[in-house]
Amino acid sequence: MERYSEITNKNQREIVLLKGFPCKWGKCSFCDYILDNDTAEEEMNRLNEEVLAKISGKYKVLEVINSGSCFELTQGTLERIREVIREKGIQKLFLESHWCYKNRLQEMRDFFGIPIVFKIGVETFDYAFRNEVLKKNAKFKDYTELKQYFESPCMMVGIVGQTKEMIAKDMAIVEDHFDYATINVFVNNTTQVKRDEDLVQWFVKQYSYLDKNPKIEVLYNNTDFGVGD
């Protein structure tokens, strides 16, 4: 399992994948990332300390992810991240959170004391597909409501049941209304949700220009950020 990497093309930054407590929601139909969660706090702190020790601060920007939300990291880990931010002169932080924590984001901003770009797993702006098929439990009405809390939606494309029209609407929203976005091309995993290969090939051809868009990062594989396995 790779837990430290550098992103050197768009939005240059260091990124770490840490261990956290179980995801508060944990019921997304497509997600098996939660298998990386744990409950052994001392062991998690020890592992996370080893990973955080690799941060150099060379880009002055850091992204911290875990298999869930940043609020599920241990207090010891959060304090160590804050120390690293101060020690290495980090000036911007990327964190991720589920919609259920939307009213607590300011807590993290106050705790770390630097600008934070909050990511959220939206997957799609199609309300029914997001909540009834993908089981996200993210019941915002549209992008304007989401944007009140989060700066960077993480989208997913290439799932059986999605349509070209649905994806086209999603891409238009992230291109026109957000300063940051991540597009994840779905890769089959241990869940029952499956990849639509024809839809993926259409997306790759239709939206190849996004590779040159400085504000949108397209992940064709789960490990394109250099972390995970």
Protein backbone atom coordinates (compact mmCIF):
# COMPACT_ATOMS: atom_id res chain seq x y z
CA MET A 1 0.00 0.00 0.00
CA GLU A 2 1.54 3.29 -1.13
CA ARG A 3 0.67 6.07 1.31
CA TYR A 4 2.85 8.97 0.19
CA SER A 5 3.21 10.54 -3.23
CA GLU A 6 3.76 13.80 -5.09
CA ILE A 7 1.36 15.20 -7.67
CA THR A 8 3.53 17.09 -10.13
CA ASN A 9 1.31 18.01 -13.06
CA LYS A 10 -1.79 19.94 -11.94
CA ASN A 11 -2.13 21.65 -8.56
CA GLN A 12 1.30 20.44 -7.50
CA ARG A 13 1.25 19.04 -4.00
CA GLU A 14 2.25 16.22 -1.71
CA ILE A 15 -0.45 13.68 -0.87
CA VAL A 16 -0.75 11.18 1.97
CA LEU A 17 -3.21 8.33 2.47
CA LEU A 18 -3.73 7.83 6.20
CA LYS A 19 -5.69 5.36 8.28
CA GLY A 20 -8.82 6.52 10.06
CA PHE A 21 -11.73 5.17 12.05
CA PRO A 22 -14.62 3.53 10.14
CA CYS A 23 -16.50 5.81 7.74
CA LYS A 24 -19.51 7.35 9.51
CA TRP A 25 -21.75 6.53 6.54
CA GLY A 26 -20.01 3.48 5.10
CA LYS A 27 -22.92 2.37 2.90
CA CYS A 28 -21.98 3.59 -0.59
CA SER A 29 -22.80 0.75 -2.97
CA PHE A 30 -19.63 1.12 -5.05
CA CYS A 31 -17.06 1.63 -2.31
CA ASP A 32 -14.70 -0.92 -0.81
CA TYR A 33 -12.09 1.63 0.26
CA ILE A 34 -13.49 1.41 3.78
CA LEU A 35 -11.61 -1.87 4.16
CA ASP A 36 -8.59 0.31 4.97
CA ASN A 37 -10.29 1.68 8.09
CA ASP A 38 -9.34 0.53 11.57
CA THR A 39 -10.19 0.93 15.26
CA ALA A 40 -6.75 0.38 16.82
CA GLU A 41 -5.97 4.00 17.61
CA GLU A 42 -2.36 3.58 18.75
CA GLU A 43 -1.47 1.51 15.70
CA MET A 44 -3.13 4.04 13.39
CA ASN A 45 -1.23 6.89 15.03
CA ARG A 46 2.03 5.03 14.62
CA LEU A 47 1.44 4.25 10.94
CA ASN A 48 0.23 7.77 10.18
CA GLU A 49 3.26 9.25 11.92
CA GLU A 50 5.54 7.24 9.63
CA VAL A 51 3.69 8.50 6.56
CA LEU A 52 3.58 12.12 7.70
CA ALA A 53 7.33 12.03 8.33
CA LYS A 54 7.84 11.83 4.56
CA ILE A 55 6.33 15.26 3.92
CA SER A 56 8.94 17.77 2.80
CA GLY A 57 6.81 20.85 2.20
CA LYS A 58 8.45 21.38 -1.21
CA TYR A 59 5.21 22.56 -2.86
CA LYS A 60 3.77 24.27 0.23
CA VAL A 61 0.55 22.37 -0.52
CA LEU A 62 -0.59 19.13 1.11
CA GLU A 63 -3.51 16.79 0.49
CA VAL A 64 -4.58 14.41 3.25
CA ILE A 65 -6.97 11.58 2.43
CA ASN A 66 -8.27 8.53 4.27
CA SER A 67 -10.96 5.96 3.55
CA GLY A 68 -13.74 8.20 4.74
CA SER A 69 -13.78 11.79 5.99
CA CYS A 70 -11.07 13.86 7.61
CA PHE A 71 -13.25 13.93 10.74
CA GLU A 72 -12.57 10.21 11.18
CA LEU A 73 -8.83 10.68 11.63
CA THR A 74 -7.63 10.27 15.21
CA GLN A 75 -7.02 13.35 17.31
CA GLY A 76 -3.36 12.38 17.56
CA THR A 77 -3.07 12.26 13.78
CA LEU A 78 -4.82 15.60 13.35
CA GLU A 79 -2.45 17.21 15.83
CA ARG A 80 0.56 15.71 14.05
CA ILE A 81 -0.71 17.03 10.70
CA ARG A 82 -0.97 20.49 12.24
CA GLU A 83 2.60 20.21 13.52
CA VAL A 84 3.85 19.18 10.08
CA ILE A 85 2.00 22.09 8.49
CA ARG A 86 3.83 24.49 10.78
CA GLU A 87 7.19 22.73 10.53
CA LYS A 88 7.18 22.52 6.73
CA GLY A 89 5.51 25.81 5.95
CA ILE A 90 2.44 24.32 4.30
CA GLN A 91 0.21 27.11 2.99
CA LYS A 92 -2.76 25.21 1.55
CA LEU A 93 -4.45 21.98 2.57
CA PHE A 94 -6.78 19.65 0.66
CA LEU A 95 -9.16 17.56 2.79
CA GLU A 96 -12.17 15.37 1.98
CA SER A 97 -15.46 15.03 3.82
CA HIS A 98 -18.83 13.38 3.44
CA TRP A 99 -21.91 15.59 3.11
CA CYS A 100 -23.02 14.60 6.63
CA TYR A 101 -20.19 16.72 8.08
CA LYS A 102 -21.05 19.83 6.05
CA ASN A 103 -21.83 21.92 9.13
CA ARG A 104 -18.49 21.08 10.79
CA LEU A 105 -16.06 22.15 8.08
CA GLN A 106 -15.20 25.38 9.86
CA GLU A 107 -13.87 23.31 12.77
CA MET A 108 -11.08 22.03 10.53
CA ARG A 109 -10.37 25.49 9.16
CA ASP A 110 -10.05 26.84 12.68
CA PHE A 111 -7.93 23.89 13.81
CA PHE A 112 -5.35 24.05 11.02
CA GLY A 113 -5.33 27.82 10.50
CA ILE A 114 -4.56 27.77 6.78
CA PRO A 115 -6.77 27.80 3.66
CA ILE A 116 -8.47 24.45 3.06
CA VAL A 117 -9.95 23.14 -0.18
CA PHE A 118 -12.67 20.71 0.82
CA LYS A 119 -13.34 17.81 -1.53
CA ILE A 120 -16.53 15.78 -1.48
CA GLY A 121 -17.51 12.54 -3.18
CA VAL A 122 -20.47 13.69 -5.27
CA GLU A 123 -20.11 11.00 -7.99
CA THR A 124 -22.99 12.58 -9.94
CA PHE A 125 -25.32 15.55 -9.67
CA ASP A 126 -28.20 13.29 -10.72
CA TYR A 127 -30.07 13.14 -7.40
CA ALA A 128 -31.75 9.76 -7.91
CA PHE A 129 -28.68 7.95 -9.23
CA ARG A 130 -26.48 9.42 -6.51
CA ASN A 131 -28.72 8.46 -3.62
CA GLU A 132 -30.81 5.50 -4.81
CA VAL A 133 -28.21 3.61 -6.87
CA LEU A 134 -24.88 4.70 -5.40
CA LYS A 135 -26.36 5.09 -1.88
CA LYS A 136 -24.35 8.24 -1.16
CA ASN A 137 -26.77 9.78 1.33
CA ALA A 138 -25.76 13.19 0.00
CA LYS A 139 -29.15 14.81 -0.40
CA PHE A 140 -28.35 18.27 -1.66
CA LYS A 141 -30.65 19.58 -4.38
CA ASP A 142 -28.15 20.96 -6.89
CA TYR A 143 -24.63 22.29 -7.31
CA THR A 144 -25.51 25.67 -5.83
CA GLU A 145 -26.32 24.07 -2.48
CA LEU A 146 -23.16 21.95 -2.60
CA LYS A 147 -21.02 24.97 -3.41
CA GLN A 148 -22.08 26.67 -0.18
CA TYR A 149 -19.89 24.16 1.66
CA PHE A 150 -17.43 22.42 -0.69
CA GLU A 151 -14.95 23.71 -3.25
CA SER A 152 -14.06 20.51 -5.10
CA PRO A 153 -16.54 17.79 -6.20
CA CYS A 154 -15.21 14.31 -6.91
CA MET A 155 -17.17 12.77 -9.77
CA MET A 156 -17.42 9.20 -11.05
CA VAL A 157 -17.99 8.04 -14.61
CA GLY A 158 -18.39 4.70 -16.33
CA ILE A 159 -20.85 2.89 -14.06
CA VAL A 160 -23.52 0.55 -15.40
CA GLY A 161 -26.76 2.54 -15.25
CA GLN A 162 -25.19 5.90 -16.00
CA THR A 163 -25.96 7.55 -19.33
CA LYS A 164 -24.01 9.80 -21.65
CA GLU A 165 -26.53 12.56 -20.96
CA MET A 166 -26.02 12.25 -17.22
CA ILE A 167 -22.25 12.45 -17.55
CA ALA A 168 -22.46 15.37 -19.98
CA LYS A 169 -24.53 17.35 -17.47
CA ASP A 170 -22.07 16.53 -14.69
CA MET A 171 -19.05 17.60 -16.74
CA ALA A 172 -20.75 20.86 -17.71
CA ILE A 173 -21.40 21.65 -14.06
CA VAL A 174 -17.84 21.02 -12.87
CA GLU A 175 -16.33 22.86 -15.83
CA ASP A 176 -18.55 25.91 -15.46
CA HIS A 177 -19.04 26.27 -11.72
CA PHE A 178 -16.08 24.90 -9.72
CA ASP A 179 -12.45 25.88 -9.40
CA TYR A 180 -11.39 22.31 -8.60
CA ALA A 181 -12.76 18.89 -9.51
CA THR A 182 -11.63 15.27 -9.69
CA ILE A 183 -13.12 12.84 -12.21
CA ASN A 184 -12.75 9.17 -11.26
CA VAL A 185 -13.18 6.61 -14.04
CA PHE A 186 -14.79 3.65 -12.31
CA VAL A 187 -12.68 0.52 -11.94
CA ASN A 188 -14.31 -2.77 -10.95
CA ASN A 189 -13.73 -3.73 -7.34
CA THR A 190 -15.24 -6.13 -4.79
CA THR A 191 -18.70 -4.50 -4.85
CA GLN A 192 -21.67 -5.43 -7.03
CA VAL A 193 -21.45 -2.15 -8.96
CA LYS A 194 -19.91 -2.73 -12.38
CA ARG A 195 -17.99 -0.73 -14.97
CA ASP A 196 -19.64 0.08 -18.29
CA GLU A 197 -16.75 -0.34 -20.70
CA ASP A 198 -18.55 1.26 -23.65
CA LEU A 199 -19.41 4.30 -21.56
CA VAL A 200 -15.81 4.56 -20.36
CA GLN A 201 -14.46 4.46 -23.91
CA TRP A 202 -16.96 7.14 -24.95
CA PHE A 203 -15.94 9.35 -22.02
CA VAL A 204 -12.21 8.95 -22.66
CA LYS A 205 -12.68 9.98 -26.29
CA GLN A 206 -15.26 12.71 -25.71
CA TYR A 207 -13.51 14.37 -22.78
CA SER A 208 -9.83 13.88 -23.56
CA TYR A 209 -9.47 17.68 -23.54
CA LEU A 210 -9.97 17.65 -19.76
CA ASP A 211 -6.42 16.34 -19.45
CA LYS A 212 -5.32 19.87 -20.37
CA ASN A 213 -7.76 21.65 -18.07
CA PRO A 214 -5.66 22.92 -15.13
CA LYS A 215 -8.51 22.77 -12.63
CA ILE A 216 -9.81 19.24 -13.37
CA GLU A 217 -7.89 16.07 -12.55
CA VAL A 218 -9.01 12.88 -14.30
CA LEU A 219 -8.07 9.60 -12.63
CA TYR A 220 -8.21 6.75 -15.11
CA ASN A 221 -7.07 4.32 -12.41
CA ASN A 222 -7.56 4.40 -8.64
CA THR A 223 -3.85 4.85 -8.05
CA ASP A 224 -3.20 7.71 -10.48
CA PHE A 225 -2.43 10.02 -7.55
CA GLY A 226 0.30 7.57 -6.55
CA VAL A 227 -1.33 6.30 -3.37
CA GLY A 228 -3.37 3.16 -2.66
CA ASP A 229 -2.90 -0.24 -4.22
